[in-house]
């Protein structure tokens, strides 16, 4: 991770840690850099950058400042307006853009925001380019230039309304529907975020009886007691309305969690099991391997072992999952939190796509979601987030390390503890898995108390 960019872009509180000036400079550098690459390749046409945003009040501010920076450097900016992160990745790679930008802080509260950058291939922008952007933000010379030139006269960039791109993405999702959803009662929780004007259109087009909640964004209510981070509302809604299944997205809809017909949560681990097994049964699971992260539950691995599916564990972050999948040709990977990557269809996690794939399995196997998820018997797990001012300091502290070692010794082979820094927030995450919830809580607290006693956390 860099100084500004973490595992999922440049994220922080709007106009506090991520300011309008930051956004302008990111746009200035990208426009200049992308045009430089094109000129070196003998192409004098302006760089094309496509931009989407979520429903936060500050997203408009960041959209305008990014566009100002891009056009000042001679790049053309194409606006998708309010849309999902995976739609930006899709349109970037399919419509010939040099770069894609999504303005979103994903599952964070409304007062945060973020800038996610995609390469021409629709993948997270490479670390080498991110490093150059960070140097420019810090006022350092980049690629031999002390100062970036402004575009002038006919070389100044323009803005283009590109709502058609968002509509094309909707059409793409609909085209992936293998079965008609007619007669299926589906609940969607759009988190008052990016999926509010997309998800229902997709399910309606495929014939589902679609019920939707939290689809009235006002700039401030994104993720507020809604979506995949507050799924209890959808659980109750599915039970009360006797729906067949429910799907909850986060603010930018790159993740999805499911709710079965009984109102029980089906998380990312169980989604990986359900679709991994479905792929294996059809001989579609390349390398017979599913890519997970270190946060996945022991119960998932036990369930995979029972049906003969191999697995690997990467560091947390859908970028790490994607990078491994890309390097080894895997078709399925993801995170417990609901970032699921189907590499045949997308380069990033896509919540709506995940919904379609889970419904496909339900219809193909003529089974309820609860039955499909039942083989995964999860170990009790506790995750405690500690807000800290110095993530690196807390992780390298000798007393914290000693507390972690002590917890590991008590767990033995009957569980595990994982202490890591969040890649997107000022948090240390302490996760414990054990054979009982009480042991999880006690050991997690034993580490958290040391972090706080040493003055790192609130």
Protein backbone atom coordinates (compact mmCIF):
# COMPACT_ATOMS: atom_id res chain seq x y z
CA UNK A 1 0.00 0.00 0.00
CA UNK A 2 1.11 3.52 -0.75
CA UNK A 3 0.83 6.75 1.19
CA UNK A 4 -2.55 7.65 -0.28
CA UNK A 5 -3.77 4.58 -2.16
CA UNK A 6 -4.70 1.43 -0.24
CA UNK A 7 -5.98 -1.94 -1.43
CA UNK A 8 -9.09 -0.34 -2.93
CA UNK A 9 -8.03 3.11 -4.09
CA UNK A 10 -7.53 6.47 -2.40
CA UNK A 11 -10.10 6.62 0.38
CA UNK A 12 -10.79 8.96 3.26
CA UNK A 13 -13.15 11.52 4.72
CA UNK A 14 -14.24 13.96 2.03
CA UNK A 15 -12.29 17.25 2.17
CA UNK A 16 -10.36 16.03 5.22
CA UNK A 17 -8.02 13.25 4.12
CA UNK A 18 -9.28 13.13 0.53
CA UNK A 19 -9.82 16.65 -0.76
CA UNK A 20 -11.08 18.27 -3.95
CA UNK A 21 -7.49 19.36 -4.58
CA UNK A 22 -6.33 15.76 -4.41
CA UNK A 23 -8.93 14.80 -6.99
CA UNK A 24 -7.94 17.62 -9.32
CA UNK A 25 -4.29 16.58 -9.12
CA UNK A 26 -5.14 12.92 -9.76
CA UNK A 27 -7.02 14.04 -12.87
CA UNK A 28 -4.19 16.36 -13.93
CA UNK A 29 -1.61 13.61 -13.67
CA UNK A 30 -3.70 10.92 -15.34
CA UNK A 31 -4.60 13.15 -18.28
CA UNK A 32 -0.98 14.17 -18.76
CA UNK A 33 0.41 10.65 -18.30
CA UNK A 34 -2.10 8.90 -20.56
CA UNK A 35 -1.58 11.46 -23.32
CA UNK A 36 2.19 11.06 -22.93
CA UNK A 37 1.87 7.31 -23.49
CA UNK A 38 -0.30 7.83 -26.56
CA UNK A 39 2.12 10.33 -28.10
CA UNK A 40 5.03 7.96 -27.51
CA UNK A 41 3.05 5.29 -29.36
CA UNK A 42 2.48 7.64 -32.31
CA UNK A 43 -1.17 8.34 -31.48
CA UNK A 44 -2.13 12.03 -31.36
CA UNK A 45 -5.75 11.49 -30.32
CA UNK A 46 -6.73 12.61 -26.81
CA UNK A 47 -6.76 10.06 -24.00
CA UNK A 48 -10.25 8.86 -23.11
CA UNK A 49 -11.22 8.34 -19.48
CA UNK A 50 -14.61 7.06 -18.29
CA UNK A 51 -15.91 8.11 -14.88
CA UNK A 52 -18.65 6.77 -12.63
CA UNK A 53 -19.75 7.73 -9.13
CA UNK A 54 -21.88 6.53 -6.25
CA UNK A 55 -24.66 8.44 -4.49
CA UNK A 56 -22.68 10.35 -1.85
CA UNK A 57 -23.12 14.13 -1.75
CA UNK A 58 -19.38 14.60 -2.21
CA UNK A 59 -19.23 12.38 -5.31
CA UNK A 60 -20.39 15.29 -7.47
CA UNK A 61 -17.59 17.48 -6.15
CA UNK A 62 -14.98 14.83 -6.87
CA UNK A 63 -16.47 14.11 -10.30
CA UNK A 64 -16.16 17.76 -11.33
CA UNK A 65 -12.66 18.23 -9.94
CA UNK A 66 -11.37 15.04 -11.53
CA UNK A 67 -12.86 16.12 -14.85
CA UNK A 68 -11.30 19.57 -14.50
CA UNK A 69 -7.89 17.99 -14.00
CA UNK A 70 -8.31 15.56 -16.88
CA UNK A 71 -9.51 18.12 -19.39
CA UNK A 72 -6.87 20.65 -18.29
CA UNK A 73 -4.29 18.04 -19.28
CA UNK A 74 -5.96 17.38 -22.62
CA UNK A 75 -7.89 14.17 -21.88
CA UNK A 76 -11.55 13.65 -22.72
CA UNK A 77 -13.82 12.65 -19.82
CA UNK A 78 -16.85 10.41 -20.39
CA UNK A 79 -19.45 10.50 -17.62
CA UNK A 80 -21.43 7.40 -16.67
CA UNK A 81 -22.97 9.36 -13.77
CA UNK A 82 -24.29 7.25 -10.86
CA UNK A 83 -23.29 3.66 -11.55
CA UNK A 84 -21.55 0.66 -10.01
CA UNK A 85 -17.84 0.01 -9.73
CA UNK A 86 -18.00 -3.16 -11.87
CA UNK A 87 -19.80 -1.24 -14.60
CA UNK A 88 -16.88 1.18 -14.82
CA UNK A 89 -14.43 -1.72 -15.08
CA UNK A 90 -16.59 -3.37 -17.77
CA UNK A 91 -17.06 -0.25 -19.89
CA UNK A 92 -13.37 0.69 -19.60
CA UNK A 93 -12.24 -2.59 -21.16
CA UNK A 94 -15.05 -3.08 -23.68
CA UNK A 95 -15.35 0.47 -25.05
CA UNK A 96 -11.69 1.21 -25.64
CA UNK A 97 -10.98 3.64 -22.81
CA UNK A 98 -7.45 4.37 -21.65
CA UNK A 99 -8.49 4.47 -18.01
CA UNK A 100 -11.55 4.19 -15.79
CA UNK A 101 -12.31 6.04 -12.55
CA UNK A 102 -14.91 5.18 -9.93
CA UNK A 103 -15.73 7.69 -7.22
CA UNK A 104 -16.83 5.71 -4.17
CA UNK A 105 -15.89 4.69 -0.65
CA UNK A 106 -17.73 1.39 -1.08
CA UNK A 107 -19.24 0.28 2.26
CA UNK A 108 -17.98 3.31 4.24
CA UNK A 109 -20.37 5.97 5.63
CA UNK A 110 -21.52 8.88 3.47
CA UNK A 111 -18.92 11.36 4.71
CA UNK A 112 -16.08 9.25 3.31
CA UNK A 113 -15.31 8.94 -0.36
CA UNK A 114 -12.70 7.39 -2.61
CA UNK A 115 -11.08 7.25 -6.03
CA UNK A 116 -10.65 3.85 -7.67
CA UNK A 117 -8.58 3.63 -10.84
CA UNK A 118 -8.79 1.02 -13.61
CA UNK A 119 -6.41 0.24 -16.45
CA UNK A 120 -7.52 -0.09 -20.06
CA UNK A 121 -8.07 -3.80 -19.34
CA UNK A 122 -10.60 -3.03 -16.63
CA UNK A 123 -8.23 -4.15 -13.89
CA UNK A 124 -7.00 -2.17 -10.88
CA UNK A 125 -4.34 0.28 -12.06
CA UNK A 126 -0.77 -1.01 -11.64
CA UNK A 127 1.29 -0.10 -8.59
CA UNK A 128 3.96 1.56 -10.72
CA UNK A 129 1.46 4.13 -12.00
CA UNK A 130 -0.02 4.58 -8.52
CA UNK A 131 3.49 5.37 -7.26
CA UNK A 132 3.86 8.09 -9.91
CA UNK A 133 0.49 9.61 -8.92
CA UNK A 134 1.56 9.68 -5.28
CA UNK A 135 4.83 11.38 -6.18
CA UNK A 136 2.91 14.05 -8.07
CA UNK A 137 0.53 14.53 -5.13
CA UNK A 138 3.59 15.11 -2.95
CA UNK A 139 5.03 17.70 -5.36
CA UNK A 140 7.88 15.52 -6.58
CA UNK A 141 9.11 15.54 -10.21
CA UNK A 142 7.64 12.68 -12.23
CA UNK A 143 9.22 11.08 -15.28
CA UNK A 144 11.67 13.94 -15.60
CA UNK A 145 9.00 16.65 -15.50
CA UNK A 146 9.12 19.25 -12.73
CA UNK A 147 5.80 20.67 -13.85
CA UNK A 148 2.98 19.25 -15.94
CA UNK A 149 2.02 21.22 -19.04
CA UNK A 150 -1.52 22.49 -19.44
CA UNK A 151 -3.36 21.71 -22.65
CA UNK A 152 -4.21 24.81 -24.70
CA UNK A 153 -6.53 25.79 -27.54
CA UNK A 154 -7.90 22.83 -29.45
CA UNK A 155 -6.00 20.39 -27.22
CA UNK A 156 -8.07 21.14 -24.12
CA UNK A 157 -10.16 18.08 -23.31
CA UNK A 158 -13.93 17.82 -23.46
CA UNK A 159 -16.65 16.11 -21.42
CA UNK A 160 -19.10 13.62 -22.89
CA UNK A 161 -22.36 12.30 -21.42
CA UNK A 162 -21.97 8.54 -21.56
CA UNK A 163 -25.15 7.22 -19.96
CA UNK A 164 -25.34 4.82 -22.89
CA UNK A 165 -22.39 2.95 -21.43
CA UNK A 166 -24.27 2.25 -18.20
CA UNK A 167 -27.23 0.99 -20.21
CA UNK A 168 -24.92 -1.28 -22.19
CA UNK A 169 -23.64 -2.76 -18.95
CA UNK A 170 -27.22 -3.48 -17.86
CA UNK A 171 -27.75 -5.23 -21.18
CA UNK A 172 -24.61 -7.28 -20.61
CA UNK A 173 -25.83 -8.50 -17.24
CA UNK A 174 -29.21 -9.43 -18.68
CA UNK A 175 -27.46 -11.39 -21.44
CA UNK A 176 -25.79 -13.57 -18.79
CA UNK A 177 -29.13 -14.85 -17.53
CA UNK A 178 -29.19 -18.56 -18.40
CA UNK A 179 -32.68 -19.16 -17.02
CA UNK A 180 -35.88 -17.16 -16.85
CA UNK A 181 -36.51 -15.90 -13.33
CA UNK A 182 -40.27 -15.93 -13.86
CA UNK A 183 -42.05 -16.93 -10.68
CA UNK A 184 -39.00 -16.33 -8.46
CA UNK A 185 -39.57 -13.82 -5.66
CA UNK A 186 -36.37 -11.83 -5.15
CA UNK A 187 -35.54 -9.17 -2.55
CA UNK A 188 -32.84 -6.59 -3.29
CA UNK A 189 -31.20 -4.26 -0.76
CA UNK A 190 -29.44 -1.54 -2.74
CA UNK A 191 -27.89 0.22 0.28
CA UNK A 192 -29.14 3.56 -1.11
CA UNK A 193 -26.08 3.32 -3.33
CA UNK A 194 -24.94 2.75 -6.88
CA UNK A 195 -27.18 -0.23 -7.64
CA UNK A 196 -30.42 1.60 -6.90
CA UNK A 197 -31.21 2.32 -10.56
CA UNK A 198 -29.57 -0.78 -12.06
CA UNK A 199 -30.26 -3.96 -10.07
CA UNK A 200 -34.06 -3.96 -10.30
CA UNK A 201 -33.90 -3.32 -14.04
CA UNK A 202 -31.78 -6.45 -14.50
CA UNK A 203 -34.01 -8.73 -12.43
CA UNK A 204 -37.20 -7.34 -13.94
CA UNK A 205 -35.82 -7.94 -17.44
CA UNK A 206 -35.17 -11.59 -16.53
CA UNK A 207 -38.73 -12.02 -15.30
CA UNK A 208 -38.30 -12.06 -11.52
CA UNK A 209 -40.89 -10.72 -9.11
CA UNK A 210 -38.58 -8.09 -7.69
CA UNK A 211 -38.94 -6.48 -4.27
CA UNK A 212 -36.54 -3.65 -3.51
CA UNK A 213 -35.53 -1.81 -0.34
CA UNK A 214 -33.10 1.02 0.41
CA UNK A 215 -33.25 2.43 -3.10
CA UNK A 216 -33.93 6.09 -2.31
CA UNK A 217 -30.52 7.75 -2.06
CA UNK A 218 -30.39 11.31 -0.74
CA UNK A 219 -26.63 11.84 -0.63
CA UNK A 220 -26.37 11.00 3.06
CA UNK A 221 -28.03 7.62 3.57
CA UNK A 222 -25.69 5.36 1.58
CA UNK A 223 -24.97 2.22 3.66
CA UNK A 224 -26.91 3.70 6.60
CA UNK A 225 -28.53 0.69 8.30
CA UNK A 226 -28.71 -0.81 4.83
CA UNK A 227 -26.94 -3.08 2.40
CA UNK A 228 -24.41 -5.85 2.91
CA UNK A 229 -22.92 -4.30 6.07
CA UNK A 230 -26.37 -4.06 7.74
CA UNK A 231 -28.06 -7.10 6.27
CA UNK A 232 -30.43 -7.72 9.17
CA UNK A 233 -33.07 -5.51 7.50
CA UNK A 234 -33.10 -7.66 4.38
CA UNK A 235 -33.20 -10.84 6.48
CA UNK A 236 -36.40 -9.68 8.14
CA UNK A 237 -37.84 -8.42 4.84
CA UNK A 238 -37.30 -11.79 3.13
CA UNK A 239 -39.04 -13.64 5.98
CA UNK A 240 -41.96 -11.22 6.24
CA UNK A 241 -42.66 -11.25 2.51
CA UNK A 242 -41.98 -14.99 2.07
CA UNK A 243 -39.41 -14.39 -0.67
CA UNK A 244 -37.31 -17.10 -2.27
CA UNK A 245 -34.02 -15.26 -1.88
CA UNK A 246 -32.54 -11.87 -1.05
CA UNK A 247 -29.39 -10.08 -2.20
CA UNK A 248 -27.70 -7.21 -0.38
CA UNK A 249 -25.14 -4.93 -2.06
CA UNK A 250 -22.74 -2.37 -0.67
CA UNK A 251 -22.48 1.28 -1.70
CA UNK A 252 -20.79 0.69 -5.05
CA UNK A 253 -22.23 -2.81 -5.64
CA UNK A 254 -18.95 -4.65 -6.06
CA UNK A 255 -19.92 -7.03 -3.27
CA UNK A 256 -23.00 -9.11 -2.51
CA UNK A 257 -24.25 -11.13 0.43
CA UNK A 258 -27.27 -13.41 0.13
CA UNK A 259 -30.24 -14.21 2.35
CA UNK A 260 -31.90 -17.60 2.07
CA UNK A 261 -35.65 -18.28 2.19
CA UNK A 262 -35.48 -18.58 6.00
CA UNK A 263 -33.91 -15.16 6.43
CA UNK A 264 -30.43 -16.56 7.15
CA UNK A 265 -27.30 -14.88 5.77
CA UNK A 266 -25.27 -16.68 3.12
CA UNK A 267 -21.87 -14.96 3.13
CA UNK A 268 -19.04 -14.87 0.61
CA UNK A 269 -17.51 -18.14 1.82
CA UNK A 270 -20.76 -20.00 1.23
CA UNK A 271 -21.20 -18.30 -2.14
CA UNK A 272 -17.75 -19.59 -3.13
CA UNK A 273 -18.71 -23.09 -2.01
CA UNK A 274 -22.06 -23.08 -3.83
CA UNK A 275 -20.70 -21.87 -7.12
CA UNK A 276 -17.41 -23.75 -6.83
CA UNK A 277 -19.29 -27.01 -6.39
CA UNK A 278 -21.60 -26.13 -9.30
CA UNK A 279 -18.58 -25.48 -11.53
CA UNK A 280 -16.86 -28.71 -10.47
CA UNK A 281 -19.98 -30.75 -11.18
CA UNK A 282 -20.02 -29.35 -14.72
CA UNK A 283 -16.24 -29.73 -15.15
CA UNK A 284 -15.85 -25.95 -15.43
CA UNK A 285 -13.62 -25.36 -12.40
CA UNK A 286 -10.25 -24.65 -13.98
CA UNK A 287 -7.36 -26.14 -11.95
CA UNK A 288 -10.02 -27.54 -9.60
CA UNK A 289 -9.15 -24.56 -7.38
CA UNK A 290 -11.06 -21.72 -5.72
CA UNK A 291 -9.09 -18.65 -4.63
CA UNK A 292 -9.90 -17.37 -1.13
CA UNK A 293 -8.27 -14.98 1.34
CA UNK A 294 -6.85 -15.55 4.79
CA UNK A 295 -10.16 -14.32 6.23
CA UNK A 296 -12.17 -17.29 4.94
CA UNK A 297 -13.58 -19.63 7.55
CA UNK A 298 -12.15 -23.05 8.46
CA UNK A 299 -15.57 -24.47 7.72
CA UNK A 300 -15.27 -23.53 4.06
CA UNK A 301 -12.02 -25.44 3.69
CA UNK A 302 -13.45 -28.49 5.43
CA UNK A 303 -16.44 -28.43 3.05
CA UNK A 304 -14.12 -28.10 0.05
CA UNK A 305 -12.03 -31.02 1.30
CA UNK A 306 -15.12 -33.21 1.50
CA UNK A 307 -15.95 -32.70 -2.20
CA UNK A 308 -12.37 -32.66 -3.46
CA UNK A 309 -11.97 -28.98 -4.36
CA UNK A 310 -8.54 -27.40 -3.87
CA UNK A 311 -8.09 -23.85 -2.57
CA UNK A 312 -5.46 -21.19 -2.06
CA UNK A 313 -5.35 -18.27 0.38
CA UNK A 314 -4.23 -14.77 -0.60
CA UNK A 315 -3.86 -11.60 1.42
CA UNK A 316 -7.10 -9.71 2.04
CA UNK A 317 -8.37 -7.55 -0.82
CA UNK A 318 -10.13 -8.36 -4.07
CA UNK A 319 -7.09 -6.99 -5.92
CA UNK A 320 -4.95 -9.73 -4.38
CA UNK A 321 -7.54 -12.34 -5.28
CA UNK A 322 -7.74 -11.07 -8.85
CA UNK A 323 -3.97 -10.91 -9.26
CA UNK A 324 -3.61 -14.54 -8.19
CA UNK A 325 -6.47 -15.65 -10.43
CA UNK A 326 -5.00 -13.79 -13.38
CA UNK A 327 -1.54 -15.29 -12.85
CA UNK A 328 -2.80 -18.86 -12.49
CA UNK A 329 -5.86 -18.92 -14.75
CA UNK A 330 -8.43 -19.52 -12.00
CA UNK A 331 -12.10 -18.90 -12.73
CA UNK A 332 -13.55 -18.34 -9.24
CA UNK A 333 -12.30 -16.45 -6.22
CA UNK A 334 -13.39 -14.01 -3.57
CA UNK A 335 -13.75 -12.87 -0.01
CA UNK A 336 -16.00 -13.70 2.90
CA UNK A 337 -17.29 -10.12 2.74
CA UNK A 338 -18.94 -10.78 -0.63
CA UNK A 339 -16.36 -9.66 -3.19
CA UNK A 340 -16.73 -12.54 -5.64
CA UNK A 341 -14.81 -12.63 -8.93
CA UNK A 342 -16.05 -14.70 -11.85
CA UNK A 343 -13.09 -14.17 -14.15
CA UNK A 344 -14.89 -15.46 -17.25
CA UNK A 345 -17.34 -12.58 -16.97
CA UNK A 346 -15.66 -9.74 -15.04
CA UNK A 347 -12.32 -8.37 -13.89
CA UNK A 348 -13.56 -7.25 -10.50
CA UNK A 349 -16.11 -8.19 -7.87
CA UNK A 350 -19.64 -7.59 -9.12
CA UNK A 351 -22.54 -7.84 -6.70
CA UNK A 352 -25.32 -8.02 -9.26
CA UNK A 353 -23.43 -10.62 -11.29
CA UNK A 354 -22.99 -12.66 -8.11
CA UNK A 355 -26.76 -12.54 -7.56
CA UNK A 356 -27.40 -13.81 -11.07
CA UNK A 357 -24.94 -16.67 -10.64
CA UNK A 358 -26.43 -17.81 -7.32
CA UNK A 359 -29.93 -17.77 -8.81
CA UNK A 360 -28.59 -19.76 -11.75
CA UNK A 361 -27.43 -22.51 -9.38
CA UNK A 362 -30.74 -22.49 -7.50
CA UNK A 363 -32.69 -22.93 -10.73
CA UNK A 364 -30.29 -25.42 -12.29
CA UNK A 365 -30.31 -27.64 -9.21
CA UNK A 366 -33.95 -26.93 -8.36
CA UNK A 367 -32.83 -26.30 -4.80
CA UNK A 368 -33.41 -23.72 -2.11
CA UNK A 369 -30.48 -21.56 -1.12
CA UNK A 370 -30.46 -22.95 2.43
CA UNK A 371 -29.90 -26.47 1.10
CA UNK A 372 -27.12 -25.37 -1.24
CA UNK A 373 -25.27 -23.62 1.61
CA UNK A 374 -25.89 -26.31 4.26
CA UNK A 375 -22.64 -28.31 3.76
CA UNK A 376 -20.54 -25.37 5.01
CA UNK A 377 -20.46 -25.64 8.80
CA UNK A 378 -18.73 -22.48 9.92
CA UNK A 379 -16.40 -22.32 12.91
CA UNK A 380 -17.38 -19.59 15.40
CA UNK A 381 -15.59 -16.40 14.42
CA UNK A 382 -15.18 -13.01 16.06
CA UNK A 383 -13.90 -9.94 14.23
CA UNK A 384 -13.08 -6.82 16.25
CA UNK A 385 -12.14 -3.56 14.55
CA UNK A 386 -9.94 -1.18 16.55
CA UNK A 387 -9.65 2.40 15.32
CA UNK A 388 -5.99 3.43 15.55
CA UNK A 389 -3.83 6.40 14.66
CA UNK A 390 -0.75 4.36 13.72
CA UNK A 391 -1.48 1.02 12.03
CA UNK A 392 2.16 0.15 11.39
CA UNK A 393 3.15 1.00 14.93
CA UNK A 394 0.44 -1.17 16.43
CA UNK A 395 1.33 -4.15 14.25
CA UNK A 396 5.06 -3.91 15.00
CA UNK A 397 4.67 -3.37 18.75
CA UNK A 398 6.44 -6.11 20.74
CA UNK A 399 3.72 -6.34 23.39
CA UNK A 400 0.98 -6.68 20.77
CA UNK A 401 3.01 -9.41 19.05
CA UNK A 402 3.43 -11.17 22.40
CA UNK A 403 -0.35 -11.09 22.98
CA UNK A 404 -0.95 -12.58 19.54
CA UNK A 405 1.60 -15.35 20.18
CA UNK A 406 -0.09 -16.16 23.47
CA UNK A 407 -3.48 -16.42 21.77
CA UNK A 408 -2.01 -18.67 19.07
CA UNK A 409 -0.59 -21.00 21.71
CA UNK A 410 -3.95 -21.29 23.47
CA UNK A 411 -5.73 -22.03 20.17
CA UNK A 412 -3.27 -24.69 19.06
CA UNK A 413 -4.65 -26.60 16.08
CA UNK A 414 -8.25 -25.88 17.08
CA UNK A 415 -8.45 -22.40 15.60
CA UNK A 416 -6.50 -19.38 14.47
CA UNK A 417 -5.97 -15.66 15.07
CA UNK A 418 -5.31 -13.07 12.40
CA UNK A 419 -4.32 -9.48 13.19
CA UNK A 420 -3.98 -7.13 10.23
CA UNK A 421 -4.34 -3.52 9.14
CA UNK A 422 -7.33 -2.48 7.06
CA UNK A 423 -6.32 -1.43 3.57
CA UNK A 424 -9.08 1.18 3.35
CA UNK A 425 -9.72 2.51 6.87
CA UNK A 426 -7.66 3.51 9.97
CA UNK A 427 -8.38 0.18 11.63
CA UNK A 428 -6.58 -2.85 13.02
CA UNK A 429 -8.74 -5.94 12.50
CA UNK A 430 -8.46 -8.76 15.04
CA UNK A 431 -10.10 -11.99 13.88
CA UNK A 432 -10.27 -15.18 15.93
CA UNK A 433 -11.73 -18.56 14.96
CA UNK A 434 -12.16 -21.30 17.55
CA UNK A 435 -14.45 -24.16 18.50
CA UNK A 436 -16.55 -21.89 20.74
CA UNK A 437 -17.77 -18.31 20.53
CA UNK A 438 -16.64 -17.66 24.10
CA UNK A 439 -13.04 -18.61 23.34
CA UNK A 440 -13.13 -16.37 20.25
CA UNK A 441 -14.31 -13.40 22.29
CA UNK A 442 -11.83 -13.91 25.12
CA UNK A 443 -8.79 -14.25 22.85
CA UNK A 444 -9.80 -11.36 20.59
CA UNK A 445 -10.26 -9.14 23.62
CA UNK A 446 -6.88 -10.20 25.03
CA UNK A 447 -5.19 -8.73 21.95
CA UNK A 448 -7.48 -5.70 21.59
CA UNK A 449 -6.88 -4.72 25.23
CA UNK A 450 -3.12 -4.63 24.64
CA UNK A 451 -3.53 -2.50 21.50
CA UNK A 452 -5.60 -0.01 23.49
CA UNK A 453 -3.39 -0.15 26.59
CA UNK A 454 -0.36 0.78 24.48
CA UNK A 455 -2.18 3.90 23.30
CA UNK A 456 -2.80 2.93 19.69
CA UNK A 457 -6.58 2.55 19.76
CA UNK A 458 -9.68 4.27 21.07
